[in-house]
Amino acid sequence: MQTIMEKLEWQKINCLQDKIRIMLPKEWERPSSEILEKKFPYRTKPQEVFADLQENRIITCSLLDKPLQESQIYPAITEIQRVIVHIYPESIKEQAKIFTITSGKAGFFSFITGGITEDYCNNIFILSIDEKMMIGNYCLPIGQLQEGRKILMDILNSIEIKRESKENGIFRHNYNGASKKI
């Protein structure tokens, strides 16, 4: 039986000012500025937004200037969940947890919000990148939750973090072990 990762065609994308590389389904793309304005009508918008508009799925991520070490991921994700519960009482679908992905530890929780035609599940995730917080949201219709969750896990496991190290006076960019001289 094929996994979701094997069924879909994927594309590699460098994002967050080339700090990470991520795999997304091939039909996902950056929405137009008009769609971004409609989906995010507030002053501060996510730094990266990709969408499959036919399926009403959107993933966002932003690299904040907020310090975050890997050991702080669980306390941070539980605090974000606490804020969401204050705004949307009784909306939590999955409680905050921490789990291991290819690039390290990730914090995660999900909550439900109402929509015009159906409810949506917001899957909030955080990672530590160069000891800064990367926060993201994968939003999809509740009816797509089972397959959508598998896609999210494949996306999270595909994240490669660019790490710089200096060996013998040469800087190397390393995406999870795959390094090259510059």
N, C-alpha and C. Protein backbone atom coordinates (compact mmCIF):
# COMPACT_ATOMS: atom_id res chain seq x y z
N MET A 1 0.83 -1.19 0.00
CA MET A 1 0.00 0.00 0.00
C MET A 1 0.88 1.25 0.00
N GLN A 2 0.58 2.19 -0.89
CA GLN A 2 1.37 3.41 -0.99
C GLN A 2 1.04 4.38 0.13
N THR A 3 2.07 5.07 0.61
CA THR A 3 1.85 6.13 1.58
C THR A 3 1.43 7.40 0.83
N ILE A 4 0.96 8.39 1.58
CA ILE A 4 0.59 9.69 0.98
C ILE A 4 1.81 10.28 0.27
N MET A 5 2.98 10.17 0.89
CA MET A 5 4.20 10.72 0.31
C MET A 5 4.48 10.08 -1.04
N GLU A 6 4.20 8.78 -1.17
CA GLU A 6 4.45 8.09 -2.43
C GLU A 6 3.37 8.38 -3.47
N LYS A 7 2.15 8.65 -3.05
CA LYS A 7 1.05 8.90 -3.98
C LYS A 7 1.15 10.27 -4.65
N LEU A 8 1.59 11.27 -3.89
CA LEU A 8 1.62 12.64 -4.40
C LEU A 8 2.95 12.96 -5.06
N GLU A 9 2.93 13.92 -5.97
CA GLU A 9 4.17 14.48 -6.50
C GLU A 9 4.55 15.63 -5.58
N TRP A 10 5.84 15.70 -5.25
CA TRP A 10 6.32 16.69 -4.29
C TRP A 10 7.33 17.63 -4.93
N GLN A 11 7.44 18.81 -4.34
CA GLN A 11 8.42 19.81 -4.78
C GLN A 11 9.21 20.29 -3.56
N LYS A 12 10.50 20.54 -3.76
CA LYS A 12 11.35 21.08 -2.70
C LYS A 12 11.35 22.60 -2.80
N ILE A 13 11.16 23.25 -1.67
CA ILE A 13 11.11 24.71 -1.66
C ILE A 13 12.01 25.22 -0.54
N ASN A 14 12.88 26.17 -0.88
CA ASN A 14 13.65 26.88 0.14
C ASN A 14 12.81 28.05 0.59
N CYS A 15 12.72 28.24 1.90
CA CYS A 15 11.93 29.37 2.39
C CYS A 15 12.50 29.92 3.69
N LEU A 16 11.82 30.91 4.23
CA LEU A 16 12.26 31.64 5.42
C LEU A 16 13.69 32.14 5.23
N GLN A 17 13.88 32.88 4.17
CA GLN A 17 15.17 33.46 3.80
C GLN A 17 16.25 32.39 3.70
N ASP A 18 15.86 31.27 3.10
CA ASP A 18 16.77 30.15 2.85
C ASP A 18 17.24 29.46 4.14
N LYS A 19 16.49 29.62 5.23
CA LYS A 19 16.84 28.95 6.49
C LYS A 19 16.37 27.51 6.51
N ILE A 20 15.30 27.20 5.78
CA ILE A 20 14.81 25.83 5.73
C ILE A 20 14.49 25.42 4.30
N ARG A 21 14.49 24.12 4.09
CA ARG A 21 14.03 23.52 2.84
C ARG A 21 12.87 22.61 3.24
N ILE A 22 11.81 22.64 2.47
CA ILE A 22 10.59 21.91 2.81
C ILE A 22 10.04 21.25 1.55
N MET A 23 9.41 20.11 1.73
CA MET A 23 8.74 19.42 0.62
C MET A 23 7.25 19.69 0.75
N LEU A 24 6.65 20.11 -0.37
CA LEU A 24 5.21 20.35 -0.42
C LEU A 24 4.63 19.63 -1.63
N PRO A 25 3.36 19.24 -1.55
CA PRO A 25 2.74 18.66 -2.74
C PRO A 25 2.87 19.62 -3.92
N LYS A 26 3.09 19.06 -5.10
CA LYS A 26 3.39 19.85 -6.31
C LYS A 26 2.32 20.88 -6.66
N GLU A 27 1.04 20.57 -6.36
CA GLU A 27 -0.02 21.52 -6.73
C GLU A 27 -0.11 22.71 -5.76
N TRP A 28 0.66 22.69 -4.69
CA TRP A 28 0.66 23.82 -3.76
C TRP A 28 1.50 24.95 -4.32
N GLU A 29 1.01 26.18 -4.14
CA GLU A 29 1.76 27.33 -4.63
C GLU A 29 1.54 28.53 -3.72
N ARG A 30 2.31 29.55 -3.96
CA ARG A 30 2.16 30.80 -3.20
C ARG A 30 0.92 31.52 -3.73
N PRO A 31 -0.02 31.86 -2.85
CA PRO A 31 -1.23 32.55 -3.31
C PRO A 31 -0.92 33.97 -3.79
N SER A 32 -1.80 34.50 -4.62
CA SER A 32 -1.67 35.87 -5.11
C SER A 32 -1.83 36.85 -3.94
N SER A 33 -1.41 38.08 -4.14
CA SER A 33 -1.54 39.09 -3.08
C SER A 33 -3.00 39.35 -2.73
N GLU A 34 -3.90 39.23 -3.71
CA GLU A 34 -5.34 39.42 -3.44
C GLU A 34 -5.87 38.33 -2.51
N ILE A 35 -5.48 37.10 -2.76
CA ILE A 35 -5.91 35.99 -1.90
C ILE A 35 -5.29 36.12 -0.51
N LEU A 36 -4.02 36.51 -0.46
CA LEU A 36 -3.37 36.70 0.84
C LEU A 36 -4.09 37.77 1.66
N GLU A 37 -4.46 38.86 1.01
CA GLU A 37 -5.16 39.93 1.71
C GLU A 37 -6.52 39.45 2.23
N LYS A 38 -7.19 38.62 1.46
CA LYS A 38 -8.49 38.10 1.88
C LYS A 38 -8.34 37.11 3.04
N LYS A 39 -7.34 36.22 2.96
CA LYS A 39 -7.13 35.20 3.99
C LYS A 39 -6.50 35.77 5.26
N PHE A 40 -5.67 36.81 5.11
CA PHE A 40 -4.96 37.40 6.24
C PHE A 40 -5.16 38.92 6.22
N PRO A 41 -6.35 39.39 6.62
CA PRO A 41 -6.67 40.82 6.50
C PRO A 41 -6.09 41.69 7.61
N TYR A 42 -5.06 41.26 8.26
CA TYR A 42 -4.47 42.03 9.35
C TYR A 42 -3.07 42.50 8.97
N ARG A 43 -2.53 43.38 9.78
CA ARG A 43 -1.27 44.04 9.47
C ARG A 43 -0.10 43.05 9.38
N THR A 44 0.06 42.19 10.37
CA THR A 44 1.15 41.23 10.36
C THR A 44 0.68 39.93 9.72
N LYS A 45 1.33 39.57 8.64
CA LYS A 45 0.98 38.36 7.90
C LYS A 45 2.09 37.33 8.06
N PRO A 46 1.77 36.06 7.82
CA PRO A 46 2.83 35.05 7.87
C PRO A 46 3.91 35.35 6.83
N GLN A 47 5.14 34.96 7.12
CA GLN A 47 6.24 35.20 6.20
C GLN A 47 6.15 34.30 4.96
N GLU A 48 5.71 33.08 5.16
CA GLU A 48 5.58 32.13 4.05
C GLU A 48 4.17 31.56 4.05
N VAL A 49 3.55 31.53 2.89
CA VAL A 49 2.20 30.96 2.75
C VAL A 49 2.18 30.14 1.46
N PHE A 50 1.71 28.91 1.59
CA PHE A 50 1.52 28.03 0.44
C PHE A 50 0.12 27.45 0.55
N ALA A 51 -0.52 27.24 -0.59
CA ALA A 51 -1.91 26.78 -0.55
C ALA A 51 -2.23 25.84 -1.70
N ASP A 52 -3.16 24.95 -1.40
CA ASP A 52 -3.85 24.16 -2.41
C ASP A 52 -5.28 24.70 -2.37
N LEU A 53 -5.55 25.70 -3.18
CA LEU A 53 -6.82 26.41 -3.09
C LEU A 53 -8.00 25.55 -3.52
N GLN A 54 -7.79 24.56 -4.38
CA GLN A 54 -8.89 23.68 -4.77
C GLN A 54 -9.38 22.86 -3.59
N GLU A 55 -8.47 22.48 -2.70
CA GLU A 55 -8.81 21.67 -1.53
C GLU A 55 -9.00 22.53 -0.27
N ASN A 56 -8.84 23.85 -0.39
CA ASN A 56 -8.95 24.77 0.75
C ASN A 56 -7.97 24.46 1.86
N ARG A 57 -6.74 24.11 1.47
CA ARG A 57 -5.67 23.84 2.44
C ARG A 57 -4.63 24.93 2.34
N ILE A 58 -4.16 25.36 3.49
CA ILE A 58 -3.15 26.41 3.54
C ILE A 58 -2.13 26.05 4.61
N ILE A 59 -0.86 26.27 4.32
CA ILE A 59 0.17 26.11 5.33
C ILE A 59 0.96 27.41 5.39
N THR A 60 1.25 27.85 6.60
CA THR A 60 2.00 29.08 6.80
C THR A 60 3.17 28.78 7.73
N CYS A 61 4.21 29.59 7.63
CA CYS A 61 5.27 29.53 8.62
C CYS A 61 5.98 30.87 8.68
N SER A 62 6.44 31.17 9.88
CA SER A 62 7.16 32.41 10.13
C SER A 62 8.30 32.11 11.10
N LEU A 63 9.42 32.74 10.86
CA LEU A 63 10.55 32.65 11.77
C LEU A 63 10.56 33.92 12.60
N LEU A 64 10.26 33.76 13.88
CA LEU A 64 10.15 34.91 14.78
C LEU A 64 11.50 35.25 15.38
N ASP A 65 11.61 36.44 15.90
CA ASP A 65 12.82 36.86 16.59
C ASP A 65 12.80 36.40 18.05
N LYS A 66 11.85 35.56 18.40
CA LYS A 66 11.67 35.07 19.77
C LYS A 66 12.62 33.90 20.01
N PRO A 67 13.47 33.99 21.06
CA PRO A 67 14.39 32.88 21.34
C PRO A 67 13.63 31.60 21.68
N LEU A 68 14.12 30.47 21.18
CA LEU A 68 13.53 29.18 21.49
C LEU A 68 14.58 28.09 21.33
N GLN A 69 14.92 27.48 22.46
CA GLN A 69 15.80 26.32 22.42
C GLN A 69 14.92 25.09 22.35
N GLU A 70 15.50 23.99 21.90
CA GLU A 70 14.73 22.76 21.75
C GLU A 70 14.09 22.34 23.08
N SER A 71 14.78 22.58 24.19
CA SER A 71 14.24 22.20 25.50
C SER A 71 13.03 23.05 25.90
N GLN A 72 12.79 24.15 25.21
CA GLN A 72 11.68 25.04 25.53
C GLN A 72 10.45 24.82 24.64
N ILE A 73 10.53 23.86 23.72
CA ILE A 73 9.44 23.66 22.76
C ILE A 73 8.14 23.28 23.46
N TYR A 74 8.17 22.33 24.38
CA TYR A 74 6.91 21.91 25.03
C TYR A 74 6.30 23.06 25.85
N PRO A 75 7.06 23.74 26.71
CA PRO A 75 6.44 24.87 27.43
C PRO A 75 5.90 25.94 26.48
N ALA A 76 6.58 26.18 25.38
CA ALA A 76 6.12 27.21 24.43
C ALA A 76 4.82 26.79 23.75
N ILE A 77 4.73 25.55 23.29
CA ILE A 77 3.51 25.12 22.58
C ILE A 77 2.33 25.07 23.54
N THR A 78 2.55 24.70 24.80
CA THR A 78 1.44 24.70 25.76
C THR A 78 0.97 26.12 26.06
N GLU A 79 1.88 27.07 26.07
CA GLU A 79 1.50 28.47 26.29
C GLU A 79 0.71 29.02 25.10
N ILE A 80 1.12 28.68 23.88
CA ILE A 80 0.37 29.10 22.69
C ILE A 80 -1.02 28.50 22.73
N GLN A 81 -1.12 27.23 23.12
CA GLN A 81 -2.43 26.58 23.23
C GLN A 81 -3.30 27.29 24.27
N ARG A 82 -2.70 27.69 25.38
CA ARG A 82 -3.45 28.39 26.43
C ARG A 82 -4.06 29.68 25.89
N VAL A 83 -3.30 30.40 25.08
CA VAL A 83 -3.80 31.65 24.48
C VAL A 83 -4.96 31.35 23.53
N ILE A 84 -4.82 30.31 22.71
CA ILE A 84 -5.89 29.93 21.77
C ILE A 84 -7.16 29.54 22.52
N VAL A 85 -7.02 28.79 23.61
CA VAL A 85 -8.19 28.38 24.40
C VAL A 85 -8.90 29.61 24.97
N HIS A 86 -8.14 30.63 25.32
CA HIS A 86 -8.73 31.87 25.83
C HIS A 86 -9.56 32.56 24.73
N ILE A 87 -9.06 32.51 23.49
CA ILE A 87 -9.77 33.16 22.37
C ILE A 87 -10.92 32.29 21.86
N TYR A 88 -10.67 30.98 21.75
CA TYR A 88 -11.65 30.02 21.24
C TYR A 88 -11.89 28.93 22.29
N PRO A 89 -12.69 29.22 23.32
CA PRO A 89 -12.91 28.21 24.37
C PRO A 89 -13.46 26.91 23.79
N GLU A 90 -13.04 25.81 24.36
CA GLU A 90 -13.50 24.47 24.01
C GLU A 90 -13.25 24.11 22.54
N SER A 91 -12.22 24.67 21.95
CA SER A 91 -11.95 24.42 20.53
C SER A 91 -10.84 23.40 20.28
N ILE A 92 -10.13 22.98 21.32
CA ILE A 92 -8.96 22.12 21.14
C ILE A 92 -9.37 20.74 20.62
N LYS A 93 -8.76 20.35 19.53
CA LYS A 93 -8.98 19.02 18.94
C LYS A 93 -7.95 18.04 19.51
N GLU A 94 -6.66 18.44 19.47
CA GLU A 94 -5.59 17.64 20.03
C GLU A 94 -4.77 18.51 20.97
N GLN A 95 -4.51 18.00 22.16
CA GLN A 95 -3.74 18.74 23.16
C GLN A 95 -2.28 18.89 22.72
N ALA A 96 -1.63 19.91 23.28
CA ALA A 96 -0.23 20.18 22.98
C ALA A 96 0.63 18.96 23.29
N LYS A 97 1.54 18.69 22.38
CA LYS A 97 2.49 17.59 22.58
C LYS A 97 3.77 17.92 21.84
N ILE A 98 4.77 17.13 22.12
CA ILE A 98 6.05 17.27 21.45
C ILE A 98 6.37 15.93 20.80
N PHE A 99 6.95 15.96 19.62
CA PHE A 99 7.34 14.72 18.97
C PHE A 99 8.59 14.97 18.13
N THR A 100 9.21 13.89 17.73
CA THR A 100 10.46 13.97 16.98
C THR A 100 10.17 13.88 15.49
N ILE A 101 10.78 14.81 14.75
CA ILE A 101 10.75 14.77 13.29
C ILE A 101 12.19 14.65 12.83
N THR A 102 12.40 14.55 11.55
CA THR A 102 13.74 14.35 11.01
C THR A 102 14.71 15.43 11.47
N SER A 103 14.29 16.66 11.55
CA SER A 103 15.19 17.77 11.89
C SER A 103 15.26 18.06 13.39
N GLY A 104 14.59 17.29 14.23
CA GLY A 104 14.66 17.53 15.67
C GLY A 104 13.32 17.36 16.35
N LYS A 105 13.03 18.22 17.30
CA LYS A 105 11.78 18.17 18.04
C LYS A 105 10.80 19.21 17.49
N ALA A 106 9.52 18.87 17.53
CA ALA A 106 8.47 19.79 17.11
C ALA A 106 7.38 19.79 18.17
N GLY A 107 6.79 20.95 18.40
CA GLY A 107 5.62 21.06 19.26
C GLY A 107 4.40 21.17 18.38
N PHE A 108 3.25 20.68 18.88
CA PHE A 108 2.06 20.62 18.05
C PHE A 108 0.81 20.61 18.91
N PHE A 109 -0.26 21.25 18.42
CA PHE A 109 -1.62 21.07 18.91
C PHE A 109 -2.56 21.49 17.79
N SER A 110 -3.83 21.13 17.91
CA SER A 110 -4.78 21.54 16.89
C SER A 110 -6.06 22.02 17.54
N PHE A 111 -6.77 22.90 16.82
CA PHE A 111 -8.04 23.42 17.30
C PHE A 111 -8.98 23.64 16.12
N ILE A 112 -10.25 23.67 16.41
CA ILE A 112 -11.29 23.79 15.40
C ILE A 112 -11.87 25.21 15.41
N THR A 113 -12.06 25.76 14.21
CA THR A 113 -12.76 27.03 14.08
C THR A 113 -13.91 26.85 13.08
N GLY A 114 -14.93 27.64 13.24
CA GLY A 114 -16.07 27.56 12.34
C GLY A 114 -15.79 28.26 11.03
N GLY A 115 -16.43 27.78 9.98
CA GLY A 115 -16.31 28.40 8.67
C GLY A 115 -17.71 28.61 8.10
N ILE A 116 -17.80 29.24 6.97
CA ILE A 116 -19.09 29.52 6.35
C ILE A 116 -19.74 28.23 5.87
N THR A 117 -18.97 27.39 5.16
CA THR A 117 -19.54 26.15 4.64
C THR A 117 -19.22 24.93 5.50
N GLU A 118 -18.09 24.95 6.21
CA GLU A 118 -17.73 23.85 7.11
C GLU A 118 -16.69 24.33 8.11
N ASP A 119 -16.48 23.52 9.14
CA ASP A 119 -15.48 23.85 10.15
C ASP A 119 -14.08 23.55 9.61
N TYR A 120 -13.08 24.22 10.20
CA TYR A 120 -11.69 24.05 9.81
C TYR A 120 -10.87 23.62 11.00
N CYS A 121 -9.83 22.82 10.72
CA CYS A 121 -8.88 22.41 11.75
C CYS A 121 -7.59 23.18 11.52
N ASN A 122 -7.12 23.84 12.56
CA ASN A 122 -5.86 24.57 12.53
C ASN A 122 -4.85 23.75 13.30
N ASN A 123 -3.80 23.33 12.64
CA ASN A 123 -2.74 22.53 13.24
C ASN A 123 -1.53 23.43 13.45
N ILE A 124 -1.30 23.83 14.69
CA ILE A 124 -0.21 24.74 15.02
C ILE A 124 1.04 23.91 15.34
N PHE A 125 2.17 24.31 14.78
CA PHE A 125 3.43 23.62 15.07
C PHE A 125 4.55 24.63 15.26
N ILE A 126 5.51 24.26 16.09
CA ILE A 126 6.69 25.10 16.30
C ILE A 126 7.94 24.24 16.26
N LEU A 127 9.03 24.88 15.85
CA LEU A 127 10.36 24.26 15.81
C LEU A 127 11.36 25.31 16.27
N SER A 128 12.53 24.87 16.67
CA SER A 128 13.62 25.77 16.98
C SER A 128 14.58 25.78 15.79
N ILE A 129 14.80 26.96 15.23
CA ILE A 129 15.73 27.12 14.11
C ILE A 129 16.75 28.18 14.52
N ASP A 130 17.98 27.76 14.65
CA ASP A 130 19.05 28.65 15.14
C ASP A 130 18.63 29.32 16.45
N GLU A 131 17.98 28.54 17.30
CA GLU A 131 17.50 28.98 18.61
C GLU A 131 16.50 30.13 18.52
N LYS A 132 15.77 30.19 17.41
CA LYS A 132 14.66 31.12 17.22
C LYS A 132 13.42 30.28 16.94
N MET A 133 12.24 30.84 17.26
CA MET A 133 11.00 30.10 17.08
C MET A 133 10.48 30.20 15.66
N MET A 134 10.27 29.02 15.06
CA MET A 134 9.53 28.96 13.81
C MET A 134 8.14 28.46 14.18
N ILE A 135 7.13 29.21 13.79
CA ILE A 135 5.75 28.81 14.08
C ILE A 135 5.01 28.67 12.76
N GLY A 136 4.16 27.67 12.70
CA GLY A 136 3.41 27.44 11.49
C GLY A 136 2.00 26.98 11.79
N ASN A 137 1.16 27.03 10.77
CA ASN A 137 -0.23 26.58 10.87
C ASN A 137 -0.59 25.87 9.57
N TYR A 138 -1.17 24.70 9.72
CA TYR A 138 -1.69 23.97 8.56
C TYR A 138 -3.20 23.94 8.77
N CYS A 139 -3.92 24.67 7.93
CA CYS A 139 -5.37 24.82 8.06
C CYS A 139 -6.05 24.07 6.93
N LEU A 140 -7.04 23.24 7.29
CA LEU A 140 -7.77 22.47 6.29
C LEU A 140 -9.18 22.18 6.77
N PRO A 141 -10.09 21.92 5.84
CA PRO A 141 -11.46 21.59 6.23
C PRO A 141 -11.48 20.33 7.09
N ILE A 142 -12.34 20.31 8.10
CA ILE A 142 -12.41 19.20 9.04
C ILE A 142 -12.69 17.87 8.34
N GLY A 143 -13.40 17.89 7.23
CA GLY A 143 -13.69 16.67 6.49
C GLY A 143 -12.46 16.06 5.82
N GLN A 144 -11.37 16.81 5.73
CA GLN A 144 -10.13 16.32 5.12
C GLN A 144 -9.07 15.97 6.15
N LEU A 145 -9.48 15.91 7.41
CA LEU A 145 -8.52 15.80 8.50
C LEU A 145 -7.65 14.55 8.43
N GLN A 146 -8.22 13.40 8.13
CA GLN A 146 -7.43 12.16 8.16
C GLN A 146 -6.29 12.19 7.14
N GLU A 147 -6.61 12.44 5.87
CA GLU A 147 -5.57 12.50 4.84
C GLU A 147 -4.68 13.73 5.06
N GLY A 148 -5.29 14.84 5.46
CA GLY A 148 -4.53 16.07 5.68
C GLY A 148 -3.49 15.93 6.77
N ARG A 149 -3.80 15.18 7.82
CA ARG A 149 -2.84 14.98 8.91
C ARG A 149 -1.63 14.19 8.42
N LYS A 150 -1.86 13.22 7.55
CA LYS A 150 -0.74 12.45 6.99
C LYS A 150 0.15 13.35 6.14
N ILE A 151 -0.46 14.23 5.36
CA ILE A 151 0.31 15.17 4.54
C ILE A 151 1.12 16.09 5.44
N LEU A 152 0.51 16.59 6.51
CA LEU A 152 1.23 17.47 7.44
C LEU A 152 2.43 16.75 8.03
N MET A 153 2.28 15.50 8.45
CA MET A 153 3.40 14.78 9.03
C MET A 153 4.51 14.58 8.00
N ASP A 154 4.15 14.32 6.74
CA ASP A 154 5.16 14.20 5.69
C ASP A 154 5.87 15.54 5.48
N ILE A 155 5.12 16.63 5.50
CA ILE A 155 5.71 17.97 5.35
C ILE A 155 6.67 18.25 6.50
N LEU A 156 6.22 18.03 7.73
CA LEU A 156 7.07 18.30 8.90
C LEU A 156 8.33 17.44 8.87
N ASN A 157 8.20 16.17 8.50
CA ASN A 157 9.37 15.30 8.43
C ASN A 157 10.31 15.67 7.30
N SER A 158 9.83 16.43 6.32
CA SER A 158 10.68 16.82 5.20
C SER A 158 11.52 18.05 5.51
N ILE A 159 11.22 18.76 6.59
CA ILE A 159 11.91 20.02 6.89
C ILE A 159 13.39 19.77 7.12
N GLU A 160 14.20 20.49 6.38
CA GLU A 160 15.64 20.47 6.55
C GLU A 160 16.06 21.87 6.98
N ILE A 161 16.80 21.94 8.05
CA ILE A 161 17.24 23.23 8.60
C ILE A 161 18.66 23.50 8.12
N LYS A 162 18.87 24.68 7.60
CA LYS A 162 20.20 25.08 7.15
C LYS A 162 21.02 25.44 8.37
N ARG A 163 22.10 24.73 8.54
CA ARG A 163 22.99 25.00 9.67
C ARG A 163 24.35 25.37 9.10
N GLU A 164 24.93 26.39 9.67
CA GLU A 164 26.25 26.80 9.22
C GLU A 164 27.28 26.35 10.22
N SER A 165 28.34 25.77 9.73
CA SER A 165 29.45 25.39 10.59
C SER A 165 30.74 25.84 9.92
N LYS A 166 31.75 26.09 10.73
CA LYS A 166 33.02 26.55 10.19
C LYS A 166 34.07 25.49 10.52
N GLU A 167 34.54 24.83 9.46
CA GLU A 167 35.59 23.82 9.61
C GLU A 167 36.79 24.26 8.78
N ASN A 168 37.95 24.34 9.42
CA ASN A 168 39.18 24.70 8.71
C ASN A 168 39.03 26.01 7.94
N GLY A 169 38.31 26.97 8.50
CA GLY A 169 38.16 28.27 7.88
C GLY A 169 37.19 28.31 6.72
N ILE A 170 36.49 27.20 6.45
CA ILE A 170 35.55 27.16 5.33
C ILE A 170 34.14 27.05 5.90
N PHE A 171 33.24 27.92 5.47
CA PHE A 171 31.85 27.82 5.90
C PHE A 171 31.15 26.74 5.10
N ARG A 172 30.34 25.96 5.78
CA ARG A 172 29.58 24.92 5.13
C ARG A 172 28.12 25.14 5.46
N HIS A 173 27.26 24.97 4.47
CA HIS A 173 25.82 24.99 4.70
C HIS A 173 25.38 23.55 4.77
N ASN A 174 24.68 23.22 5.80
CA ASN A 174 24.32 21.84 6.04
C ASN A 174 22.81 21.73 6.24
N TYR A 175 22.14 21.04 5.35
CA TYR A 175 20.75 20.71 5.53
C TYR A 175 20.72 19.27 6.02
N ASN A 176 20.62 19.10 7.34
CA ASN A 176 20.54 17.75 7.95
C ASN A 176 21.59 16.79 7.42
N GLY A 177 22.81 17.16 7.49
CA GLY A 177 23.87 16.23 7.15
C GLY A 177 24.35 16.33 5.71
N ALA A 178 23.59 16.89 4.83
CA ALA A 178 24.01 17.02 3.43
C ALA A 178 24.70 18.35 3.28
N SER A 179 26.02 18.35 3.35
CA SER A 179 26.72 19.62 3.34
C SER A 179 27.49 19.80 2.04
N LYS A 180 27.80 21.05 1.77
CA LYS A 180 28.61 21.35 0.60
C LYS A 180 29.49 22.55 0.91
N LYS A 181 30.65 22.58 0.29
CA LYS A 181 31.54 23.72 0.48
C LYS A 181 31.02 24.91 -0.30
N ILE A 182 31.26 26.07 0.25
CA ILE A 182 30.83 27.30 -0.43
C ILE A 182 32.05 28.05 -0.90
